[in-house]
Amino acid sequence: MKRTAVWLLVLLALAGLPLTSAGSSGASRAPAPGLAGEMQAINDVAAGKVAPLTLKFKNLDSTYFRFLSYSYQRGGGGWLGTLSSYGGGGLPYYSQGRSVKIGDDSYLIAYTVEMKGSDYSLRMYGRPSANAPEPEKITGDTELGLYLLNLRNQPSLSGLRTFNLKAELALFDEYLQDYKEMMAARAQMEQPMGEQQDNLKKLAMSLQMYSIDYDVMPPMDQPDAFRKALDEYVESKDIFLDPETGEPYALNTTLSGKKLADISDAKSMVAIYQAKAGKDGLRGAAFVDGSTKRVSEAEWGELKKKSGIE
C-alpha cells in the first residue's frame, strides 16, 4: 500500500498537481506566509530538518524509486559529469515521492550521485589532463546529494522503477566502462591528424560546448546563424572552413535546435562534415559527442543514412 501511494505522488507531479497534503504523503508542513516563511523553509532544508542532506547508496531501499529527469542536472565535475555531458544523457535520481513546499512551488525531494571534482581539460578538449585522478568506482558507500526538483515545470520523468541496489551499481559499472572506452578513443584521436582534422576537431568541440551550455543544438539549418551562435566558442573564424576547398563545412540540418536529451546516440550522430571527400579519398566527420573521424565513402554512406542526412 505504501509503495502504491509513492507512485501516485509521482503521477500527481506529472499532472502538475501540488504535493502539499500533510501526513502520509510525507510532504512538509505548510510554512508561514510571505518571504519570512520561504526563508524559514529554505533554512529548514539547509539544516537537514526536512530530509538528510546526504545519503549513501546502501541507505536506500525498496521504498525509493529511481528515475531520469532531463529537465535538471546535466554535466558537472568528475568522470560522471563528463560522461553525462558528452554522452548526452543524465544521471538517475532516487526519491520516496516526498515533497516540500517553498513559497508557491512544490519540490520533489530526491537524491543523486554527487559529481565531485572538475577538470578544465575535459570541458575544453574532451579528454582528461595528464594529472587527472583515476575515475572513482561507485559503491554502496558512495554519497548521494539532496536535490529539490521543482514540480511547477512538470519535468519529464523516464526510466521509473523501484530502487534495487545491485542493479544500480551494475549500471554505474557500465557507465565507468563507457567512460574508459570514450577516453581511450579520445586519446587516440589526439595523434597528429593534419590541418583538415584539426580544424574539424576544434569546430566539433566548440559545437559541443555550445550544446552543453544551452542544452540544445544551435541553428544547423542556417549557416550564418550557426557561425554567429558559435562565435564566442571559436578561436578563429577559419575553423568554419574546409582548408582543402576553402568552403564551409556541411551541417546536419536535422539537428537544428534539437535537445541533447532527444539525441539517443551522440557518438555516432554526425553533426558536421566535409561536403566532399578529401584528397586522401576520406571524408572528415564530426559527431555530436565531440569526436571526429575520417571515413571511407562506403562508411560515409552508412553514417549519412543513420544520421538522417539527405
C-alpha atoms as a PDB file:
ATOM      1  CA  MET A   1       0.000   0.000   0.000  1.00  0.00           C
ATOM      2  CA  LYS A   2       2.859   2.381   0.881  1.00  0.00           C
ATOM      3  CA  ARG A   3       4.571   1.840  -2.475  1.00  0.00           C
ATOM      4  CA  THR A   4       1.284   2.459  -4.312  1.00  0.00           C
ATOM      5  CA  ALA A   5       0.992   5.832  -2.555  1.00  0.00           C
ATOM      6  CA  VAL A   6       4.513   6.749  -3.653  1.00  0.00           C
ATOM      7  CA  TRP A   7       3.781   6.044  -7.313  1.00  0.00           C
ATOM      8  CA  LEU A   8       0.535   8.021  -7.023  1.00  0.00           C
ATOM      9  CA  LEU A   9       2.522  11.032  -5.860  1.00  0.00           C
ATOM     10  CA  VAL A  10       4.736  10.781  -8.936  1.00  0.00           C
ATOM     11  CA  LEU A  11       1.721  10.647 -11.228  1.00  0.00           C
ATOM     12  CA  LEU A  12       0.238  13.701  -9.485  1.00  0.00           C
ATOM     13  CA  ALA A  13       3.514  15.533 -10.023  1.00  0.00           C
ATOM     14  CA  LEU A  14       3.457  14.736 -13.719  1.00  0.00           C
ATOM     15  CA  ALA A  15      -0.094  16.038 -13.889  1.00  0.00           C
ATOM     16  CA  GLY A  16       1.082  19.319 -12.369  1.00  0.00           C
ATOM     17  CA  LEU A  17      -0.941  18.961  -9.150  1.00  0.00           C
ATOM     18  CA  PRO A  18       0.540  20.313  -5.888  1.00  0.00           C
ATOM     19  CA  LEU A  19       2.027  17.805  -3.453  1.00  0.00           C
ATOM     20  CA  THR A  20       1.271  19.645  -0.234  1.00  0.00           C
ATOM     21  CA  SER A  21      -1.021  17.352   1.748  1.00  0.00           C
ATOM     22  CA  ALA A  22       0.298  16.539   5.220  1.00  0.00           C
ATOM     23  CA  GLY A  23       0.615  13.208   6.965  1.00  0.00           C
ATOM     24  CA  SER A  24       1.117  10.013   4.994  1.00  0.00           C
ATOM     25  CA  SER A  25       2.177  11.856   1.815  1.00  0.00           C
ATOM     26  CA  GLY A  26       5.421  12.832   3.539  1.00  0.00           C
ATOM     27  CA  ALA A  27       5.026  16.486   2.493  1.00  0.00           C
ATOM     28  CA  SER A  28       6.375  19.081   4.923  1.00  0.00           C
ATOM     29  CA  ARG A  29       4.021  21.288   6.930  1.00  0.00           C
ATOM     30  CA  ALA A  30       2.920  24.499   5.203  1.00  0.00           C
ATOM     31  CA  PRO A  31       5.348  27.334   6.018  1.00  0.00           C
ATOM     32  CA  ALA A  32       4.326  30.730   7.353  1.00  0.00           C
ATOM     33  CA  PRO A  33       3.125  33.144   4.628  1.00  0.00           C
ATOM     34  CA  GLY A  34       5.386  35.642   2.897  1.00  0.00           C
ATOM     35  CA  LEU A  35       9.120  35.920   2.392  1.00  0.00           C
ATOM     36  CA  ALA A  36       9.856  35.024   6.016  1.00  0.00           C
ATOM     37  CA  GLY A  37       8.049  31.731   5.527  1.00  0.00           C
ATOM     38  CA  GLU A  38      10.035  30.976   2.369  1.00  0.00           C
ATOM     39  CA  MET A  39      13.320  31.727   4.098  1.00  0.00           C
ATOM     40  CA  GLN A  40      12.336  29.547   7.046  1.00  0.00           C
ATOM     41  CA  ALA A  41      11.521  26.673   4.668  1.00  0.00           C
ATOM     42  CA  ILE A  42      14.881  27.084   2.920  1.00  0.00           C
ATOM     43  CA  ASN A  43      16.708  27.204   6.245  1.00  0.00           C
ATOM     44  CA  ASP A  44      14.909  24.049   7.364  1.00  0.00           C
ATOM     45  CA  VAL A  45      16.070  22.254   4.219  1.00  0.00           C
ATOM     46  CA  ALA A  46      19.657  23.533   4.590  1.00  0.00           C
ATOM     47  CA  ALA A  47      19.689  22.407   8.222  1.00  0.00           C
ATOM     48  CA  GLY A  48      18.620  18.886   7.259  1.00  0.00           C
ATOM     49  CA  LYS A  49      15.290  19.164   9.090  1.00  0.00           C
ATOM     50  CA  VAL A  50      13.225  18.249   6.011  1.00  0.00           C
ATOM     51  CA  ALA A  51      15.426  15.424   4.732  1.00  0.00           C
ATOM     52  CA  PRO A  52      19.058  14.308   5.186  1.00  0.00           C
ATOM     53  CA  LEU A  53      21.437  16.375   3.048  1.00  0.00           C
ATOM     54  CA  THR A  54      23.327  13.243   2.021  1.00  0.00           C
ATOM     55  CA  LEU A  55      22.658   9.527   1.929  1.00  0.00           C
ATOM     56  CA  LYS A  56      24.751   6.564   0.905  1.00  0.00           C
ATOM     57  CA  PHE A  57      23.613   4.179  -1.786  1.00  0.00           C
ATOM     58  CA  LYS A  58      23.354   1.403   0.775  1.00  0.00           C
ATOM     59  CA  ASN A  59      20.917   3.539   2.847  1.00  0.00           C
ATOM     60  CA  LEU A  60      18.306   3.332   0.081  1.00  0.00           C
ATOM     61  CA  ASP A  61      15.729   0.534  -0.004  1.00  0.00           C
ATOM     62  CA  SER A  62      12.667  -0.554  -1.990  1.00  0.00           C
ATOM     63  CA  THR A  63      10.618   2.390  -0.669  1.00  0.00           C
ATOM     64  CA  TYR A  64      12.649   4.527  -3.104  1.00  0.00           C
ATOM     65  CA  PHE A  65      12.103   4.668  -6.856  1.00  0.00           C
ATOM     66  CA  ARG A  66      14.635   5.750  -9.442  1.00  0.00           C
ATOM     67  CA  PHE A  67      14.023   7.941 -12.484  1.00  0.00           C
ATOM     68  CA  LEU A  68      15.687  10.193 -15.031  1.00  0.00           C
ATOM     69  CA  SER A  69      14.797  13.859 -15.392  1.00  0.00           C
ATOM     70  CA  TYR A  70      16.400  15.618 -18.335  1.00  0.00           C
ATOM     71  CA  SER A  71      14.975  18.974 -17.226  1.00  0.00           C
ATOM     72  CA  TYR A  72      17.512  19.124 -14.438  1.00  0.00           C
ATOM     73  CA  GLN A  73      21.082  18.095 -13.707  1.00  0.00           C
ATOM     74  CA  ARG A  74      23.370  17.588 -16.670  1.00  0.00           C
ATOM     75  CA  GLY A  75      27.118  17.508 -16.667  1.00  0.00           C
ATOM     76  CA  GLY A  76      29.095  18.696 -13.668  1.00  0.00           C
ATOM     77  CA  GLY A  77      32.511  17.682 -12.389  1.00  0.00           C
ATOM     78  CA  GLY A  78      34.393  14.416 -12.377  1.00  0.00           C
ATOM     79  CA  TRP A  79      34.152  11.472 -14.742  1.00  0.00           C
ATOM     80  CA  LEU A  80      30.390  11.020 -14.311  1.00  0.00           C
ATOM     81  CA  GLY A  81      29.777  14.639 -15.237  1.00  0.00           C
ATOM     82  CA  THR A  82      31.917  14.238 -18.337  1.00  0.00           C
ATOM     83  CA  LEU A  83      30.127  11.079 -19.414  1.00  0.00           C
ATOM     84  CA  SER A  84      26.730  12.655 -18.721  1.00  0.00           C
ATOM     85  CA  SER A  85      27.525  15.798 -20.721  1.00  0.00           C
ATOM     86  CA  TYR A  86      29.377  14.295 -23.655  1.00  0.00           C
ATOM     87  CA  GLY A  87      27.130  11.248 -23.869  1.00  0.00           C
ATOM     88  CA  GLY A  88      24.018  13.417 -23.992  1.00  0.00           C
ATOM     89  CA  GLY A  89      22.294  11.717 -21.087  1.00  0.00           C
ATOM     90  CA  GLY A  90      21.558  12.411 -17.451  1.00  0.00           C
ATOM     91  CA  LEU A  91      22.177  10.685 -14.128  1.00  0.00           C
ATOM     92  CA  PRO A  92      19.442   8.833 -12.213  1.00  0.00           C
ATOM     93  CA  TYR A  93      17.589  10.357  -9.268  1.00  0.00           C
ATOM     94  CA  TYR A  94      16.160   8.462  -6.300  1.00  0.00           C
ATOM     95  CA  SER A  95      13.098   9.516  -4.305  1.00  0.00           C
ATOM     96  CA  GLN A  96      10.371   8.274  -1.973  1.00  0.00           C
ATOM     97  CA  GLY A  97       7.864  10.683  -3.509  1.00  0.00           C
ATOM     98  CA  ARG A  98       8.032  13.162  -0.621  1.00  0.00           C
ATOM     99  CA  SER A  99       7.872  16.871  -1.329  1.00  0.00           C
ATOM    100  CA  VAL A 100       8.481  20.182   0.375  1.00  0.00           C
ATOM    101  CA  LYS A 101       6.710  23.469  -0.340  1.00  0.00           C
ATOM    102  CA  ILE A 102       8.715  26.689  -0.573  1.00  0.00           C
ATOM    103  CA  GLY A 103       6.605  29.724  -1.379  1.00  0.00           C
ATOM    104  CA  ASP A 104       4.204  28.859  -4.179  1.00  0.00           C
ATOM    105  CA  ASP A 105       6.300  25.976  -5.517  1.00  0.00           C
ATOM    106  CA  SER A 106       6.429  22.321  -4.561  1.00  0.00           C
ATOM    107  CA  TYR A 107       9.725  20.446  -4.801  1.00  0.00           C
ATOM    108  CA  LEU A 108      10.231  16.711  -5.087  1.00  0.00           C
ATOM    109  CA  ILE A 109      12.840  15.535  -2.570  1.00  0.00           C
ATOM    110  CA  ALA A 110      15.341  13.411  -4.474  1.00  0.00           C
ATOM    111  CA  TYR A 111      18.952  12.241  -4.329  1.00  0.00           C
ATOM    112  CA  THR A 112      21.596  11.692  -6.971  1.00  0.00           C
ATOM    113  CA  VAL A 113      25.297  10.842  -7.093  1.00  0.00           C
ATOM    114  CA  GLU A 114      27.365  13.887  -6.249  1.00  0.00           C
ATOM    115  CA  MET A 115      29.814  14.556  -9.059  1.00  0.00           C
ATOM    116  CA  LYS A 116      32.988  15.682  -7.336  1.00  0.00           C
ATOM    117  CA  GLY A 117      35.958  17.485  -8.766  1.00  0.00           C
ATOM    118  CA  SER A 118      36.424  19.365 -12.007  1.00  0.00           C
ATOM    119  CA  ASP A 119      38.863  19.090 -14.885  1.00  0.00           C
ATOM    120  CA  TYR A 120      39.002  22.045 -17.286  1.00  0.00           C
ATOM    121  CA  SER A 121      40.697  19.892 -19.890  1.00  0.00           C
ATOM    122  CA  LEU A 122      37.646  17.620 -20.006  1.00  0.00           C
ATOM    123  CA  ARG A 123      35.347  20.509 -20.852  1.00  0.00           C
ATOM    124  CA  MET A 124      37.645  22.182 -23.360  1.00  0.00           C
ATOM    125  CA  TYR A 125      39.162  19.214 -25.144  1.00  0.00           C
ATOM    126  CA  GLY A 126      37.079  16.179 -24.215  1.00  0.00           C
ATOM    127  CA  ARG A 127      39.993  14.377 -22.576  1.00  0.00           C
ATOM    128  CA  PRO A 128      41.392  14.289 -19.031  1.00  0.00           C
ATOM    129  CA  SER A 129      44.503  16.254 -18.162  1.00  0.00           C
ATOM    130  CA  ALA A 130      47.746  14.350 -17.657  1.00  0.00           C
ATOM    131  CA  ASN A 131      47.423  14.504 -13.865  1.00  0.00           C
ATOM    132  CA  ALA A 132      43.681  13.708 -13.717  1.00  0.00           C
ATOM    133  CA  PRO A 133      42.882  11.142 -10.981  1.00  0.00           C
ATOM    134  CA  GLU A 134      41.611   7.698 -11.786  1.00  0.00           C
ATOM    135  CA  PRO A 135      37.809   7.667 -12.020  1.00  0.00           C
ATOM    136  CA  GLU A 136      36.287   6.572  -8.744  1.00  0.00           C
ATOM    137  CA  LYS A 137      34.167   3.420  -8.741  1.00  0.00           C
ATOM    138  CA  ILE A 138      30.598   3.867  -7.470  1.00  0.00           C
ATOM    139  CA  THR A 139      29.864   1.574  -4.495  1.00  0.00           C
ATOM    140  CA  GLY A 140      27.319   1.165  -1.723  1.00  0.00           C
ATOM    141  CA  ASP A 141      29.288   3.732   0.315  1.00  0.00           C
ATOM    142  CA  THR A 142      29.130   6.386  -2.402  1.00  0.00           C
ATOM    143  CA  GLU A 143      27.342   9.515  -1.183  1.00  0.00           C
ATOM    144  CA  LEU A 144      24.192  10.841  -2.803  1.00  0.00           C
ATOM    145  CA  GLY A 145      23.395  14.535  -2.522  1.00  0.00           C
ATOM    146  CA  LEU A 146      19.977  16.060  -1.872  1.00  0.00           C
ATOM    147  CA  TYR A 147      18.238  17.736  -4.826  1.00  0.00           C
ATOM    148  CA  LEU A 148      14.927  19.606  -4.789  1.00  0.00           C
ATOM    149  CA  LEU A 149      13.239  19.268  -8.176  1.00  0.00           C
ATOM    150  CA  ASN A 150      10.701  21.999  -8.906  1.00  0.00           C
ATOM    151  CA  LEU A 151       7.452  20.353  -9.962  1.00  0.00           C
ATOM    152  CA  ARG A 152       5.931  23.527 -11.401  1.00  0.00           C
ATOM    153  CA  ASN A 153       7.799  22.860 -14.652  1.00  0.00           C
ATOM    154  CA  GLN A 154       6.256  19.370 -14.928  1.00  0.00           C
ATOM    155  CA  PRO A 155       9.644  17.728 -15.587  1.00  0.00           C
ATOM    156  CA  SER A 156       9.839  14.834 -17.984  1.00  0.00           C
ATOM    157  CA  LEU A 157      10.440  11.710 -15.918  1.00  0.00           C
ATOM    158  CA  SER A 158      11.512   8.446 -17.519  1.00  0.00           C
ATOM    159  CA  GLY A 159      13.065   5.148 -16.521  1.00  0.00           C
ATOM    160  CA  LEU A 160      10.819   4.869 -13.449  1.00  0.00           C
ATOM    161  CA  ARG A 161      11.340   1.704 -11.444  1.00  0.00           C
ATOM    162  CA  THR A 162      11.687   0.523  -7.867  1.00  0.00           C
ATOM    163  CA  PHE A 163      15.194   1.042  -6.498  1.00  0.00           C
ATOM    164  CA  ASN A 164      17.453  -2.001  -6.499  1.00  0.00           C
ATOM    165  CA  LEU A 165      20.990  -1.509  -5.185  1.00  0.00           C
ATOM    166  CA  LYS A 166      22.543  -4.366  -7.153  1.00  0.00           C
ATOM    167  CA  ALA A 167      21.022  -3.168 -10.429  1.00  0.00           C
ATOM    168  CA  GLU A 168      22.098   0.444  -9.851  1.00  0.00           C
ATOM    169  CA  LEU A 169      25.687  -0.457  -9.028  1.00  0.00           C
ATOM    170  CA  ALA A 170      25.842  -2.662 -12.128  1.00  0.00           C
ATOM    171  CA  LEU A 171      24.601   0.299 -14.179  1.00  0.00           C
ATOM    172  CA  PHE A 172      27.323   2.575 -12.798  1.00  0.00           C
ATOM    173  CA  ASP A 173      29.897  -0.122 -13.592  1.00  0.00           C
ATOM    174  CA  GLU A 174      28.687   0.093 -17.203  1.00  0.00           C
ATOM    175  CA  TYR A 175      28.985   3.882 -17.078  1.00  0.00           C
ATOM    176  CA  LEU A 176      32.564   3.570 -15.856  1.00  0.00           C
ATOM    177  CA  GLN A 177      33.454   1.174 -18.663  1.00  0.00           C
ATOM    178  CA  ASP A 178      31.846   3.500 -21.226  1.00  0.00           C
ATOM    179  CA  TYR A 179      33.856   6.394 -19.839  1.00  0.00           C
ATOM    180  CA  LYS A 180      37.141   4.500 -20.060  1.00  0.00           C
ATOM    181  CA  GLU A 181      36.394   3.474 -23.639  1.00  0.00           C
ATOM    182  CA  MET A 182      35.463   7.049 -24.538  1.00  0.00           C
ATOM    183  CA  MET A 183      38.657   8.440 -23.032  1.00  0.00           C
ATOM    184  CA  ALA A 184      40.768   5.789 -24.783  1.00  0.00           C
ATOM    185  CA  ALA A 185      39.177   6.691 -28.098  1.00  0.00           C
ATOM    186  CA  ARG A 186      39.735  10.385 -27.496  1.00  0.00           C
ATOM    187  CA  ALA A 187      43.374   9.830 -26.560  1.00  0.00           C
ATOM    188  CA  GLN A 188      43.874   8.001 -29.849  1.00  0.00           C
ATOM    189  CA  MET A 189      42.312  10.929 -31.711  1.00  0.00           C
ATOM    190  CA  GLU A 190      44.886  13.264 -30.251  1.00  0.00           C
ATOM    191  CA  GLN A 191      47.523  11.834 -32.566  1.00  0.00           C
ATOM    192  CA  PRO A 192      48.577  14.373 -35.259  1.00  0.00           C
ATOM    193  CA  MET A 193      45.914  14.362 -37.981  1.00  0.00           C
ATOM    194  CA  GLY A 194      46.828  17.365 -40.091  1.00  0.00           C
ATOM    195  CA  GLU A 195      45.172  20.719 -40.653  1.00  0.00           C
ATOM    196  CA  GLN A 196      41.947  19.228 -42.030  1.00  0.00           C
ATOM    197  CA  GLN A 197      41.137  17.128 -38.988  1.00  0.00           C
ATOM    198  CA  ASP A 198      42.484  19.751 -36.596  1.00  0.00           C
ATOM    199  CA  ASN A 199      40.009  22.349 -37.916  1.00  0.00           C
ATOM    200  CA  LEU A 200      37.127  19.915 -37.741  1.00  0.00           C
ATOM    201  CA  LYS A 201      38.095  18.842 -34.205  1.00  0.00           C
ATOM    202  CA  LYS A 202      38.147  22.429 -32.941  1.00  0.00           C
ATOM    203  CA  LEU A 203      34.789  23.112 -34.556  1.00  0.00           C
ATOM    204  CA  ALA A 204      33.320  19.928 -33.052  1.00  0.00           C
ATOM    205  CA  MET A 205      34.462  20.920 -29.556  1.00  0.00           C
ATOM    206  CA  SER A 206      33.061  24.441 -29.994  1.00  0.00           C
ATOM    207  CA  LEU A 207      29.726  22.935 -31.038  1.00  0.00           C
ATOM    208  CA  GLN A 208      29.763  20.663 -28.019  1.00  0.00           C
ATOM    209  CA  MET A 209      30.479  23.493 -25.575  1.00  0.00           C
ATOM    210  CA  TYR A 210      27.550  25.450 -27.006  1.00  0.00           C
ATOM    211  CA  SER A 211      25.170  22.485 -26.795  1.00  0.00           C
ATOM    212  CA  ILE A 212      26.188  21.747 -23.182  1.00  0.00           C
ATOM    213  CA  ASP A 213      25.743  25.385 -22.128  1.00  0.00           C
ATOM    214  CA  TYR A 214      22.340  25.773 -23.784  1.00  0.00           C
ATOM    215  CA  ASP A 215      21.145  22.149 -23.631  1.00  0.00           C
ATOM    216  CA  VAL A 216      20.189  22.316 -27.318  1.00  0.00           C
ATOM    217  CA  MET A 217      21.958  22.250 -30.651  1.00  0.00           C
ATOM    218  CA  PRO A 218      22.497  25.628 -32.378  1.00  0.00           C
ATOM    219  CA  PRO A 219      20.725  26.579 -35.641  1.00  0.00           C
ATOM    220  CA  MET A 220      22.129  23.975 -38.037  1.00  0.00           C
ATOM    221  CA  ASP A 221      19.879  24.842 -40.973  1.00  0.00           C
ATOM    222  CA  GLN A 222      21.195  28.397 -41.331  1.00  0.00           C
ATOM    223  CA  PRO A 223      24.994  28.634 -41.815  1.00  0.00           C
ATOM    224  CA  ASP A 224      25.170  32.330 -40.840  1.00  0.00           C
ATOM    225  CA  ALA A 225      23.139  31.766 -37.657  1.00  0.00           C
ATOM    226  CA  PHE A 226      25.277  28.701 -36.869  1.00  0.00           C
ATOM    227  CA  ARG A 227      28.511  30.707 -37.111  1.00  0.00           C
ATOM    228  CA  LYS A 228      27.046  33.517 -35.018  1.00  0.00           C
ATOM    229  CA  ALA A 229      25.897  31.081 -32.312  1.00  0.00           C
ATOM    230  CA  LEU A 230      29.379  29.541 -32.013  1.00  0.00           C
ATOM    231  CA  ASP A 231      31.271  32.815 -32.330  1.00  0.00           C
ATOM    232  CA  GLU A 232      32.126  33.056 -28.615  1.00  0.00           C
ATOM    233  CA  TYR A 233      33.466  29.482 -28.578  1.00  0.00           C
ATOM    234  CA  VAL A 234      35.894  29.630 -31.518  1.00  0.00           C
ATOM    235  CA  GLU A 235      39.456  30.920 -31.637  1.00  0.00           C
ATOM    236  CA  SER A 236      39.304  31.837 -35.324  1.00  0.00           C
ATOM    237  CA  LYS A 237      36.581  32.014 -37.949  1.00  0.00           C
ATOM    238  CA  ASP A 238      38.871  29.937 -40.203  1.00  0.00           C
ATOM    239  CA  ILE A 239      37.799  26.744 -38.427  1.00  0.00           C
ATOM    240  CA  PHE A 240      34.385  27.009 -40.121  1.00  0.00           C
ATOM    241  CA  LEU A 241      36.103  26.391 -43.457  1.00  0.00           C
ATOM    242  CA  ASP A 242      37.418  23.223 -45.058  1.00  0.00           C
ATOM    243  CA  PRO A 243      41.156  24.068 -45.571  1.00  0.00           C
ATOM    244  CA  GLU A 244      41.294  21.942 -48.746  1.00  0.00           C
ATOM    245  CA  THR A 245      38.486  23.765 -50.568  1.00  0.00           C
ATOM    246  CA  GLY A 246      38.048  26.994 -48.614  1.00  0.00           C
ATOM    247  CA  GLU A 247      34.326  26.235 -48.463  1.00  0.00           C
ATOM    248  CA  PRO A 248      32.277  25.982 -45.240  1.00  0.00           C
ATOM    249  CA  TYR A 249      31.830  22.567 -43.659  1.00  0.00           C
ATOM    250  CA  ALA A 250      28.417  20.997 -44.260  1.00  0.00           C
ATOM    251  CA  LEU A 251      25.932  20.775 -41.374  1.00  0.00           C
ATOM    252  CA  ASN A 252      23.388  18.142 -40.410  1.00  0.00           C
ATOM    253  CA  THR A 253      20.276  20.319 -40.648  1.00  0.00           C
ATOM    254  CA  THR A 254      18.087  17.710 -38.902  1.00  0.00           C
ATOM    255  CA  LEU A 255      19.842  18.560 -35.612  1.00  0.00           C
ATOM    256  CA  SER A 256      18.900  22.246 -35.677  1.00  0.00           C
ATOM    257  CA  GLY A 257      17.574  23.312 -32.278  1.00  0.00           C
ATOM    258  CA  LYS A 258      17.295  19.713 -31.117  1.00  0.00           C
ATOM    259  CA  LYS A 259      17.591  18.987 -27.394  1.00  0.00           C
ATOM    260  CA  LEU A 260      20.604  16.899 -26.378  1.00  0.00           C
ATOM    261  CA  ALA A 261      18.298  14.616 -24.387  1.00  0.00           C
ATOM    262  CA  ASP A 262      16.495  13.716 -27.620  1.00  0.00           C
ATOM    263  CA  ILE A 263      19.687  12.568 -29.377  1.00  0.00           C
ATOM    264  CA  SER A 264      19.925   8.907 -28.454  1.00  0.00           C
ATOM    265  CA  ASP A 265      23.365   8.067 -29.865  1.00  0.00           C
ATOM    266  CA  ALA A 266      25.568  11.162 -29.744  1.00  0.00           C
ATOM    267  CA  LYS A 267      28.768   9.285 -30.534  1.00  0.00           C
ATOM    268  CA  SER A 268      27.539   8.079 -33.942  1.00  0.00           C
ATOM    269  CA  MET A 269      25.328  11.038 -34.933  1.00  0.00           C
ATOM    270  CA  VAL A 270      27.160  13.188 -37.493  1.00  0.00           C
ATOM    271  CA  ALA A 271      26.817  16.924 -36.839  1.00  0.00           C
ATOM    272  CA  ILE A 272      29.420  18.498 -39.168  1.00  0.00           C
ATOM    273  CA  TYR A 273      31.208  17.033 -42.177  1.00  0.00           C
ATOM    274  CA  GLN A 274      33.191  17.673 -45.339  1.00  0.00           C
ATOM    275  CA  ALA A 275      30.842  18.257 -48.258  1.00  0.00           C
ATOM    276  CA  LYS A 276      33.214  16.205 -50.427  1.00  0.00           C
ATOM    277  CA  ALA A 277      35.866  13.623 -49.704  1.00  0.00           C
ATOM    278  CA  GLY A 278      39.391  14.970 -49.226  1.00  0.00           C
ATOM    279  CA  LYS A 279      42.435  14.368 -51.405  1.00  0.00           C
ATOM    280  CA  ASP A 280      43.117  11.177 -49.471  1.00  0.00           C
ATOM    281  CA  GLY A 281      39.736   9.789 -50.525  1.00  0.00           C
ATOM    282  CA  LEU A 282      38.396  10.038 -46.970  1.00  0.00           C
ATOM    283  CA  ARG A 283      35.732  12.355 -45.614  1.00  0.00           C
ATOM    284  CA  GLY A 284      36.032  14.130 -42.255  1.00  0.00           C
ATOM    285  CA  ALA A 285      33.030  13.874 -39.945  1.00  0.00           C
ATOM    286  CA  ALA A 286      32.410  15.398 -36.516  1.00  0.00           C
ATOM    287  CA  PHE A 287      29.904  13.814 -34.152  1.00  0.00           C
ATOM    288  CA  VAL A 288      27.561  15.277 -31.529  1.00  0.00           C
ATOM    289  CA  ASP A 289      29.732  13.895 -28.697  1.00  0.00           C
ATOM    290  CA  GLY A 290      32.699  15.981 -29.945  1.00  0.00           C
ATOM    291  CA  SER A 291      34.658  13.160 -31.573  1.00  0.00           C
ATOM    292  CA  THR A 292      35.910  13.276 -35.171  1.00  0.00           C
ATOM    293  CA  LYS A 293      36.779  10.655 -37.712  1.00  0.00           C
ATOM    294  CA  ARG A 294      37.896  10.307 -41.325  1.00  0.00           C
ATOM    295  CA  VAL A 295      35.855   7.671 -43.098  1.00  0.00           C
ATOM    296  CA  SER A 296      35.757   5.937 -46.456  1.00  0.00           C
ATOM    297  CA  GLU A 297      32.909   6.731 -48.851  1.00  0.00           C
ATOM    298  CA  ALA A 298      31.397   3.316 -48.132  1.00  0.00           C
ATOM    299  CA  GLU A 299      31.392   4.023 -44.387  1.00  0.00           C
ATOM    300  CA  TRP A 300      30.124   7.543 -45.028  1.00  0.00           C
ATOM    301  CA  GLY A 301      27.074   6.138 -46.810  1.00  0.00           C
ATOM    302  CA  GLU A 302      26.091   4.247 -43.670  1.00  0.00           C
ATOM    303  CA  LEU A 303      26.811   7.185 -41.323  1.00  0.00           C
ATOM    304  CA  LYS A 304      24.874   9.545 -43.554  1.00  0.00           C
ATOM    305  CA  LYS A 305      21.819   7.314 -43.529  1.00  0.00           C
ATOM    306  CA  LYS A 306      21.978   6.748 -39.765  1.00  0.00           C
ATOM    307  CA  SER A 307      22.331  10.499 -39.122  1.00  0.00           C
ATOM    308  CA  GLY A 308      19.366  11.431 -41.316  1.00  0.00           C
ATOM    309  CA  ILE A 309      21.482  13.443 -43.776  1.00  0.00           C
ATOM    310  CA  GLU A 310      19.939  13.648 -47.240  1.00  0.00           C
END
